[in-house]
Structure formats: structure tokens, C-alpha cells
N, C-alpha and C. Protein backbone atom coordinates (compact mmCIF):
# COMPACT_ATOMS: atom_id res chain seq x y z
N UNK A 1 7.06 -21.72 99.63
CA UNK A 1 8.41 -21.55 100.09
C UNK A 1 8.75 -20.07 100.01
N UNK A 2 9.31 -19.55 101.04
CA UNK A 2 9.67 -18.13 101.04
C UNK A 2 11.18 -17.99 100.90
N UNK A 3 11.57 -16.86 100.39
CA UNK A 3 13.00 -16.56 100.24
C UNK A 3 13.41 -15.62 101.34
N UNK A 4 14.68 -15.35 101.40
CA UNK A 4 15.19 -14.46 102.44
C UNK A 4 14.67 -13.04 102.26
N UNK A 5 14.31 -12.67 101.05
CA UNK A 5 13.88 -11.31 100.81
C UNK A 5 12.37 -11.13 100.89
N UNK A 6 11.61 -12.22 100.99
CA UNK A 6 10.17 -12.04 101.08
C UNK A 6 9.42 -13.33 100.83
N UNK A 7 8.11 -13.21 100.71
CA UNK A 7 7.28 -14.40 100.51
C UNK A 7 7.52 -15.00 99.11
N UNK A 8 7.14 -16.24 98.98
CA UNK A 8 7.34 -16.96 97.72
C UNK A 8 6.45 -16.36 96.63
N UNK A 9 7.01 -16.30 95.45
CA UNK A 9 6.27 -15.82 94.29
C UNK A 9 5.69 -17.04 93.59
N UNK A 10 4.38 -17.09 93.45
CA UNK A 10 3.78 -18.27 92.80
C UNK A 10 4.20 -18.34 91.33
N UNK A 11 4.56 -19.54 90.92
CA UNK A 11 4.94 -19.77 89.53
C UNK A 11 3.67 -19.92 88.70
N UNK A 12 3.67 -19.36 87.51
CA UNK A 12 2.47 -19.51 86.68
C UNK A 12 2.31 -20.98 86.27
N UNK A 13 1.06 -21.42 86.28
CA UNK A 13 0.76 -22.80 85.90
C UNK A 13 0.81 -22.94 84.39
N UNK A 14 1.48 -23.96 83.96
CA UNK A 14 1.52 -24.23 82.53
C UNK A 14 0.30 -25.06 82.17
N UNK A 15 -0.33 -24.67 81.12
CA UNK A 15 -1.49 -25.43 80.65
C UNK A 15 -1.02 -26.75 80.07
N UNK A 16 -1.71 -27.79 80.42
CA UNK A 16 -1.37 -29.10 79.88
C UNK A 16 -1.68 -29.10 78.39
N UNK A 17 -0.71 -29.51 77.61
CA UNK A 17 -0.91 -29.53 76.16
C UNK A 17 -1.54 -30.86 75.78
N UNK A 18 -2.73 -30.76 75.26
CA UNK A 18 -3.46 -31.95 74.87
C UNK A 18 -3.57 -31.98 73.35
N UNK A 19 -3.61 -33.17 72.83
CA UNK A 19 -3.80 -33.34 71.40
C UNK A 19 -5.29 -33.32 71.12
N UNK A 20 -5.74 -32.29 70.44
CA UNK A 20 -7.15 -32.12 70.17
C UNK A 20 -7.49 -32.80 68.84
N UNK A 21 -8.15 -33.93 68.91
CA UNK A 21 -8.47 -34.70 67.72
C UNK A 21 -9.62 -34.09 66.92
N UNK A 22 -10.31 -33.13 67.49
CA UNK A 22 -11.39 -32.49 66.74
C UNK A 22 -10.86 -31.73 65.55
N UNK A 23 -9.64 -31.20 65.66
CA UNK A 23 -9.06 -30.45 64.54
C UNK A 23 -8.79 -31.35 63.34
N UNK A 24 -8.62 -32.64 63.59
CA UNK A 24 -8.30 -33.55 62.49
C UNK A 24 -9.51 -33.93 61.65
N UNK A 25 -10.66 -33.51 62.07
CA UNK A 25 -11.83 -33.74 61.23
C UNK A 25 -12.15 -32.51 60.39
N UNK A 26 -11.36 -31.48 60.50
CA UNK A 26 -11.58 -30.23 59.79
C UNK A 26 -11.04 -30.34 58.36
N UNK A 27 -11.75 -29.81 57.36
CA UNK A 27 -11.28 -29.90 55.97
C UNK A 27 -9.90 -29.25 55.75
N UNK A 28 -9.60 -28.19 56.48
CA UNK A 28 -8.30 -27.54 56.30
C UNK A 28 -7.16 -28.44 56.76
N UNK A 29 -7.40 -29.25 57.79
CA UNK A 29 -6.36 -30.18 58.24
C UNK A 29 -6.11 -31.24 57.18
N UNK A 30 -7.17 -31.74 56.56
CA UNK A 30 -7.01 -32.75 55.51
C UNK A 30 -6.34 -32.15 54.29
N UNK A 31 -6.63 -30.88 53.97
CA UNK A 31 -5.95 -30.22 52.85
C UNK A 31 -4.46 -30.07 53.16
N UNK A 32 -4.14 -29.69 54.39
CA UNK A 32 -2.74 -29.60 54.80
C UNK A 32 -2.06 -30.95 54.68
N UNK A 33 -2.72 -32.01 55.16
CA UNK A 33 -2.13 -33.34 55.13
C UNK A 33 -1.91 -33.82 53.70
N UNK A 34 -2.89 -33.60 52.82
CA UNK A 34 -2.73 -34.01 51.42
C UNK A 34 -1.59 -33.25 50.76
N UNK A 35 -1.47 -31.96 51.04
CA UNK A 35 -0.40 -31.16 50.46
C UNK A 35 0.96 -31.62 50.97
N UNK A 36 1.05 -31.87 52.26
CA UNK A 36 2.33 -32.31 52.84
C UNK A 36 2.74 -33.69 52.34
N UNK A 37 1.81 -34.65 52.35
CA UNK A 37 2.14 -36.01 51.92
C UNK A 37 2.43 -36.08 50.43
N UNK A 38 1.71 -35.31 49.62
CA UNK A 38 2.01 -35.32 48.19
C UNK A 38 3.38 -34.71 47.92
N UNK A 39 3.76 -33.69 48.67
CA UNK A 39 5.10 -33.12 48.51
C UNK A 39 6.20 -34.09 48.90
N UNK A 40 5.98 -34.82 49.98
CA UNK A 40 6.98 -35.82 50.41
C UNK A 40 7.08 -36.94 49.39
N UNK A 41 5.94 -37.40 48.86
CA UNK A 41 5.95 -38.47 47.86
C UNK A 41 6.64 -38.02 46.58
N UNK A 42 6.40 -36.77 46.16
CA UNK A 42 7.07 -36.26 44.97
C UNK A 42 8.58 -36.14 45.19
N UNK A 43 8.98 -35.73 46.37
CA UNK A 43 10.42 -35.64 46.67
C UNK A 43 11.05 -37.03 46.71
N UNK A 44 10.31 -38.01 47.19
CA UNK A 44 10.83 -39.38 47.22
C UNK A 44 10.95 -39.96 45.81
N UNK A 45 10.16 -39.47 44.86
CA UNK A 45 10.21 -39.95 43.49
C UNK A 45 11.43 -39.43 42.74
N UNK A 46 11.96 -38.31 43.14
CA UNK A 46 13.04 -37.67 42.37
C UNK A 46 14.25 -38.57 42.14
N UNK A 47 14.77 -39.31 43.12
CA UNK A 47 15.92 -40.17 42.82
C UNK A 47 15.63 -41.20 41.73
N UNK A 48 14.43 -41.77 41.72
CA UNK A 48 14.06 -42.72 40.66
C UNK A 48 14.00 -42.02 39.31
N UNK A 49 13.50 -40.82 39.30
CA UNK A 49 13.43 -40.04 38.07
C UNK A 49 14.84 -39.73 37.54
N UNK A 50 15.72 -39.33 38.42
CA UNK A 50 17.10 -39.03 38.00
C UNK A 50 17.80 -40.30 37.51
N UNK A 51 17.51 -41.44 38.14
CA UNK A 51 18.09 -42.70 37.68
C UNK A 51 17.60 -43.03 36.27
N UNK A 52 16.30 -42.81 36.02
CA UNK A 52 15.74 -43.08 34.69
C UNK A 52 16.36 -42.16 33.65
N UNK A 53 16.57 -40.91 34.00
CA UNK A 53 17.22 -39.98 33.08
C UNK A 53 18.68 -40.39 32.83
N UNK A 54 19.31 -40.94 33.85
CA UNK A 54 20.68 -41.39 33.71
C UNK A 54 20.81 -42.54 32.73
N UNK A 55 19.74 -43.31 32.54
CA UNK A 55 19.78 -44.39 31.55
C UNK A 55 19.99 -43.85 30.15
N UNK A 56 19.50 -42.66 29.88
CA UNK A 56 19.69 -42.05 28.57
C UNK A 56 21.16 -41.70 28.34
N UNK A 57 21.87 -41.39 29.41
CA UNK A 57 23.29 -41.07 29.28
C UNK A 57 24.13 -42.31 28.99
N UNK A 58 23.62 -43.48 29.37
CA UNK A 58 24.35 -44.72 29.12
C UNK A 58 24.26 -45.16 27.67
N UNK A 59 23.31 -44.64 26.96
CA UNK A 59 23.17 -45.00 25.55
C UNK A 59 21.74 -45.35 25.20
N UNK A 60 21.53 -45.49 23.92
CA UNK A 60 20.18 -45.75 23.42
C UNK A 60 19.66 -47.11 23.86
N UNK A 61 20.51 -48.10 23.90
CA UNK A 61 20.07 -49.45 24.27
C UNK A 61 19.63 -49.50 25.73
N UNK A 62 20.35 -48.82 26.62
CA UNK A 62 19.98 -48.81 28.03
C UNK A 62 18.65 -48.10 28.24
N UNK A 63 18.45 -47.00 27.53
CA UNK A 63 17.18 -46.26 27.66
C UNK A 63 16.03 -47.08 27.09
N UNK A 64 16.24 -47.72 25.95
CA UNK A 64 15.18 -48.55 25.37
C UNK A 64 14.82 -49.71 26.30
N UNK A 65 15.81 -50.30 26.95
CA UNK A 65 15.54 -51.38 27.90
C UNK A 65 14.73 -50.89 29.08
N UNK A 66 15.07 -49.72 29.57
CA UNK A 66 14.29 -49.16 30.69
C UNK A 66 12.87 -48.83 30.26
N UNK A 67 12.71 -48.27 29.06
CA UNK A 67 11.37 -47.91 28.59
C UNK A 67 10.50 -49.14 28.36
N UNK A 68 11.11 -50.25 27.90
CA UNK A 68 10.34 -51.49 27.77
C UNK A 68 9.92 -52.00 29.15
N UNK A 69 10.83 -51.90 30.12
CA UNK A 69 10.52 -52.32 31.48
C UNK A 69 9.42 -51.44 32.08
N UNK A 70 9.46 -50.15 31.78
CA UNK A 70 8.49 -49.21 32.34
C UNK A 70 7.14 -49.25 31.63
N UNK A 71 7.01 -50.09 30.61
CA UNK A 71 5.75 -50.18 29.89
C UNK A 71 4.79 -51.18 30.54
N UNK A 72 5.13 -51.67 31.71
CA UNK A 72 4.29 -52.63 32.43
C UNK A 72 3.12 -51.91 33.10
N UNK A 73 2.02 -52.63 33.33
CA UNK A 73 0.84 -52.00 33.96
C UNK A 73 1.12 -51.39 35.34
N UNK A 74 2.01 -52.01 36.11
CA UNK A 74 2.33 -51.45 37.43
C UNK A 74 2.98 -50.08 37.31
N UNK A 75 3.83 -49.91 36.30
CA UNK A 75 4.46 -48.61 36.09
C UNK A 75 3.44 -47.59 35.58
N UNK A 76 2.51 -48.04 34.76
CA UNK A 76 1.46 -47.12 34.29
C UNK A 76 0.61 -46.64 35.47
N UNK A 77 0.32 -47.54 36.38
CA UNK A 77 -0.41 -47.14 37.58
C UNK A 77 0.42 -46.16 38.41
N UNK A 78 1.71 -46.41 38.49
CA UNK A 78 2.61 -45.49 39.21
C UNK A 78 2.66 -44.12 38.56
N UNK A 79 2.66 -44.09 37.23
CA UNK A 79 2.62 -42.81 36.52
C UNK A 79 1.33 -42.07 36.84
N UNK A 80 0.22 -42.81 36.86
CA UNK A 80 -1.05 -42.18 37.19
C UNK A 80 -1.02 -41.61 38.60
N UNK A 81 -0.50 -42.39 39.55
CA UNK A 81 -0.38 -41.90 40.94
C UNK A 81 0.48 -40.65 41.00
N UNK A 82 1.55 -40.64 40.23
CA UNK A 82 2.44 -39.48 40.22
C UNK A 82 1.73 -38.24 39.69
N UNK A 83 0.95 -38.39 38.64
CA UNK A 83 0.22 -37.25 38.08
C UNK A 83 -0.83 -36.75 39.09
N UNK A 84 -1.51 -37.67 39.75
CA UNK A 84 -2.50 -37.27 40.76
C UNK A 84 -1.82 -36.54 41.90
N UNK A 85 -0.69 -37.07 42.38
CA UNK A 85 0.05 -36.40 43.46
C UNK A 85 0.51 -35.01 43.04
N UNK A 86 1.00 -34.90 41.81
CA UNK A 86 1.45 -33.60 41.32
C UNK A 86 0.29 -32.62 41.22
N UNK A 87 -0.85 -33.09 40.73
CA UNK A 87 -2.02 -32.21 40.62
C UNK A 87 -2.52 -31.77 41.99
N UNK A 88 -2.55 -32.70 42.93
CA UNK A 88 -2.99 -32.35 44.29
C UNK A 88 -2.03 -31.35 44.92
N UNK A 89 -0.73 -31.58 44.74
CA UNK A 89 0.25 -30.68 45.34
C UNK A 89 0.20 -29.30 44.66
N UNK A 90 0.04 -29.28 43.34
CA UNK A 90 -0.04 -28.02 42.62
C UNK A 90 -1.27 -27.22 43.03
N UNK A 91 -2.43 -27.86 43.01
CA UNK A 91 -3.66 -27.13 43.34
C UNK A 91 -3.70 -26.73 44.81
N UNK A 92 -3.15 -27.58 45.68
CA UNK A 92 -3.06 -27.20 47.10
C UNK A 92 -2.14 -26.02 47.31
N UNK A 93 -1.03 -26.00 46.57
CA UNK A 93 -0.11 -24.86 46.67
C UNK A 93 -0.71 -23.58 46.13
N UNK A 94 -1.45 -23.69 45.03
CA UNK A 94 -2.14 -22.50 44.50
C UNK A 94 -3.18 -21.99 45.48
N UNK A 95 -3.87 -22.91 46.14
CA UNK A 95 -4.86 -22.52 47.16
C UNK A 95 -4.17 -21.75 48.28
N UNK A 96 -3.01 -22.23 48.70
CA UNK A 96 -2.28 -21.54 49.76
C UNK A 96 -1.80 -20.16 49.32
N UNK A 97 -1.36 -20.05 48.06
CA UNK A 97 -0.94 -18.74 47.56
C UNK A 97 -2.10 -17.75 47.52
N UNK A 98 -3.27 -18.22 47.10
CA UNK A 98 -4.44 -17.34 47.06
C UNK A 98 -4.80 -16.89 48.48
N UNK A 99 -4.77 -17.83 49.41
CA UNK A 99 -5.09 -17.49 50.80
C UNK A 99 -4.07 -16.49 51.35
N UNK A 100 -2.81 -16.69 51.01
CA UNK A 100 -1.74 -15.86 51.57
C UNK A 100 -1.74 -14.44 51.01
N UNK A 101 -2.02 -14.30 49.73
CA UNK A 101 -1.82 -13.00 49.10
C UNK A 101 -3.10 -12.25 48.76
N UNK A 102 -4.23 -12.81 49.06
CA UNK A 102 -5.49 -12.09 48.85
C UNK A 102 -6.02 -11.61 50.19
N UNK A 103 -6.83 -10.56 50.19
CA UNK A 103 -7.29 -9.97 51.46
C UNK A 103 -8.45 -10.69 52.12
N UNK A 104 -8.71 -11.95 51.77
CA UNK A 104 -9.80 -12.68 52.39
C UNK A 104 -9.38 -13.19 53.74
N UNK A 105 -10.35 -13.43 54.59
CA UNK A 105 -10.03 -14.00 55.90
C UNK A 105 -10.99 -15.15 56.18
N UNK A 106 -10.60 -15.99 57.11
CA UNK A 106 -11.44 -17.11 57.48
C UNK A 106 -11.18 -18.31 56.59
N UNK A 107 -11.80 -19.41 56.92
CA UNK A 107 -11.64 -20.64 56.15
C UNK A 107 -12.46 -20.57 54.88
N UNK A 108 -11.86 -20.96 53.81
CA UNK A 108 -12.55 -21.02 52.53
C UNK A 108 -12.63 -22.47 52.09
N UNK A 109 -13.70 -23.13 52.50
CA UNK A 109 -13.86 -24.55 52.16
C UNK A 109 -14.03 -24.74 50.66
N UNK A 110 -14.54 -23.73 49.98
CA UNK A 110 -14.69 -23.86 48.53
C UNK A 110 -13.34 -23.95 47.83
N UNK A 111 -12.30 -23.28 48.38
CA UNK A 111 -10.95 -23.40 47.81
C UNK A 111 -10.41 -24.81 48.01
N UNK A 112 -10.70 -25.40 49.15
CA UNK A 112 -10.27 -26.78 49.42
C UNK A 112 -10.97 -27.72 48.45
N UNK A 113 -12.26 -27.53 48.24
CA UNK A 113 -13.01 -28.38 47.33
C UNK A 113 -12.53 -28.19 45.89
N UNK A 114 -12.23 -26.96 45.50
CA UNK A 114 -11.73 -26.71 44.14
C UNK A 114 -10.37 -27.37 43.92
N UNK A 115 -9.50 -27.28 44.91
CA UNK A 115 -8.18 -27.90 44.79
C UNK A 115 -8.31 -29.42 44.67
N UNK A 116 -9.16 -30.02 45.48
CA UNK A 116 -9.36 -31.46 45.41
C UNK A 116 -10.01 -31.85 44.08
N UNK A 117 -10.98 -31.08 43.64
CA UNK A 117 -11.66 -31.37 42.38
C UNK A 117 -10.73 -31.28 41.19
N UNK A 118 -9.87 -30.26 41.15
CA UNK A 118 -8.92 -30.13 40.04
C UNK A 118 -7.91 -31.27 40.05
N UNK A 119 -7.50 -31.70 41.23
CA UNK A 119 -6.60 -32.85 41.31
C UNK A 119 -7.23 -34.12 40.78
N UNK A 120 -8.50 -34.32 41.11
CA UNK A 120 -9.21 -35.51 40.63
C UNK A 120 -9.43 -35.44 39.13
N UNK A 121 -9.78 -34.26 38.62
CA UNK A 121 -9.98 -34.10 37.17
C UNK A 121 -8.69 -34.38 36.41
N UNK A 122 -7.57 -33.86 36.92
CA UNK A 122 -6.29 -34.12 36.25
C UNK A 122 -5.96 -35.61 36.27
N UNK A 123 -6.23 -36.27 37.37
CA UNK A 123 -5.99 -37.71 37.45
C UNK A 123 -6.86 -38.50 36.50
N UNK A 124 -8.13 -38.12 36.40
CA UNK A 124 -9.04 -38.81 35.48
C UNK A 124 -8.65 -38.56 34.02
N UNK A 125 -8.25 -37.33 33.71
CA UNK A 125 -7.83 -37.02 32.34
C UNK A 125 -6.60 -37.83 31.96
N UNK A 126 -5.64 -37.97 32.88
CA UNK A 126 -4.45 -38.75 32.59
C UNK A 126 -4.79 -40.23 32.47
N UNK A 127 -5.70 -40.71 33.30
CA UNK A 127 -6.11 -42.12 33.21
C UNK A 127 -6.77 -42.39 31.87
N UNK A 128 -7.60 -41.48 31.39
CA UNK A 128 -8.22 -41.65 30.09
C UNK A 128 -7.18 -41.62 28.97
N UNK A 129 -6.15 -40.80 29.11
CA UNK A 129 -5.08 -40.76 28.11
C UNK A 129 -4.28 -42.07 28.12
N UNK A 130 -4.11 -42.67 29.30
CA UNK A 130 -3.38 -43.95 29.38
C UNK A 130 -4.18 -45.08 28.75
N UNK A 131 -5.48 -45.06 28.96
CA UNK A 131 -6.34 -46.13 28.46
C UNK A 131 -6.51 -46.01 26.95
N UNK A 132 -6.75 -44.78 26.49
CA UNK A 132 -7.05 -44.56 25.08
C UNK A 132 -5.88 -44.43 24.26
């Protein structure tokens, strides 16, 4: 189509945006996903934590009742999950800080492995403390 002042100017073609699933098999994507999901899960836990702390404000009997209720195996498993999520989020965040503030470049898969390993070790240590 031409305009009154001259020939038509071709519009640049927009590249079709495709979802590249190959990136989802990369260790850095899984590290990002673990860090993001653990952060969301920890944020979702906060209201329950504040409610539990509020039981202490109601008095000693209310707190003791909650602590007896929380002594069930399902709650112990939940505590273990919480510690694992916290360890994964902490080590993933430390990995990101090292990447951000150190002069290294490129993917460091060993940092991803160290973050995952420390999270697993913290989870196993807490599980042993719960059992013993």
C-alpha cells in the first residue's frame, strides 16, 4: 500500500514467540524453579506461623493445647518440609548472591549442585533430630 507521499514502507516482521521447552531441562531453570517455589511456600506458611504465635498471647493453656496438637506425626512431617524449603531457599539465594557479586561468568553447575546438596543435608540433619 502506498501513501500520498511515496511508496509503502515495509513493516518489520515480528518474530513468533515460541515456548522453548529445551530450556526447562537446564539445571539453572530447575534451580530457579526450586528457589521460586520454596519462597512462595515459605510466604504461604507465614499466616499459620503468626496464628501459632498468637496462641501464646491467649495464655498458657491455649499455647499448650496448640503444642499438643502440633505434636502429631503429620505436623512433624510439615516441620521437616519447612526446614527443607528454608534450606533450599537459603542456599539458592546464597548461590544467586555469589553469581551476582563475584566476577565469574557463565553457568556454574557446581553452585547449583552445592545449593541442592546443602538443602538435602539440612533436611536429613533435621529429620535425624526429629527421630532421635
